[in-house]
Amino acid sequence: MIGSSNGDASPPTEPAGKRQKLHPDILKLGLVSFLTDVSSEMIFSVFAIFFTTIAGASSSLLGLIEGLADFSASSLNYLAGWLSDRSGKRKGFAMAGYGFSTLAKTILLVTSSIAGLSLFRVIERLGKGFRGPPRDAWLSSISGQETRGFSFGVHKALDKAGAVLGPLAAYALLSWLGESAGTYRILFWVAFVPAVLSVGVLALIEDKPGVRHEREGMGRNWRLLSPAFKRYLVPAGLFSLAYFSLGFLLLKAHDVGFSATDIVLLYALFNVTCVLAAPLVGKLGDRIGRSHVIVLGYAVYGLVNFWLMFAASRWEIIVVFAIYGFFYAIDESQSKAFIADIEPERRATAIGVYDFVTGALYLPASLAAGALWVVSPALAFALATLLSLTAIASFVVLRPAAWNPSPMRER
């Protein structure tokens, strides 16, 4: 057994015939994420190809920039989570993060140099890092434990629905206007519009403040985090070393023979799978315990990378992208729901620490992938497979859910 029955903190039984409904603000926050992802994923679906073929950057530089972008996205996580828990505020910090990401996209409107593209990719992720922990703590506070996995899954489905529409919009523009520097400039302008709308929608949602911990410094705040959460950081960190940028999967597809326009469709397929799987995976976690779902995610990612070591045909790449969407649905939604279960007191801080630690490790992961890619792409995928297996073993041995606080207090 990965965890114990009390490890996943089974919720109290509801009265017969009564089912908790999804809080309407989960859907509103999902709309904000939807609009943001329409914008961001229009750009990201073409970024690796644009950066290396149009701008002329190397794959090694792509690895460096993607790693720095991932680190940038995590660099403010702990600070944002701590400030949010200290003040009890959620909305203000989320607004600041979404607003900063929107402003960063103006860089693409004025330059397409390697330096400008690199700067955009890193700076835009700072906003993501600042908004994530307060928003996820906000989500956990409006979702009951018995439906928390489903709530996070629905939010992630709406989030990634934008990541479906974004690449499709990019595909339509590239197909209509052709693959040229001028078309990419138009694409960046179109992507800017939903980013602005997302900030406007968020401004209309009522805040859901958390409990204040105003006398806690960052050191004391860390010490008071639960033993369960600290144990979870070990396998999560190991897995992060395997989790290099999706840009390398896009490059693999390009090497197999997919055009830049076709790669946009592959990226849309990955996101469609995530949209369909996220609510179902959330319900599965609510039913069988999120520990098992977390390990399933590690296993699926390892399988994908093992397959990519040998994949040489277009149909294999198509299947891999669909499976990768299933993995992403687990990793991006259920890890946060799991943290909300095992850290009921300081959720924004815990999510911030998790995002900071894992994001910091994405940098060496992408750097290693970029270096190995020059020698042989198969070596990068082999390393990811090995580290995924190591993360599974660590999770099973440490059993973080078994250290759950009991009874749990909802905040």
Foldseek 3Di string as FASTA:
>chain_A
DLADPCLLPFDDDDPPPDDDDFDVVLVLLLLLLLLLLLLVLLCVLQPLVCLCPVQNDDLLVVLQLQLLQLLLLQVCQLVLLQVQQQVLWQLVQLLQLLVQLLVLLVLLLPDSHNVSSSSSSNRSSNSNNRNPLSVLLQQQQRDDLLQQQLSLLQSVLSNLVSSLNNLVVSLVLCVVPNDDPVSVSVSSVVSSVSSVVSSVSSVPDDIDGGHHPNVDDSVNVVVPFFPLLVLLLVLLLLLLLLDEDCSVLLVLLVVLPDDSSVSSVLSSLLSVLLSVQQSVLSNVCSPPNLLVLVLVLLQLLLVLLLQSLPDRHNVNSSVSSSSNSNSCSSPVRSVLSSLCQQGQNSSSNSVSVSSNSSSNSNSNSSSVCSVVVVVPNSVSSVVSNVSSVVSSVSSSVSSSSNSGDPPHDHD
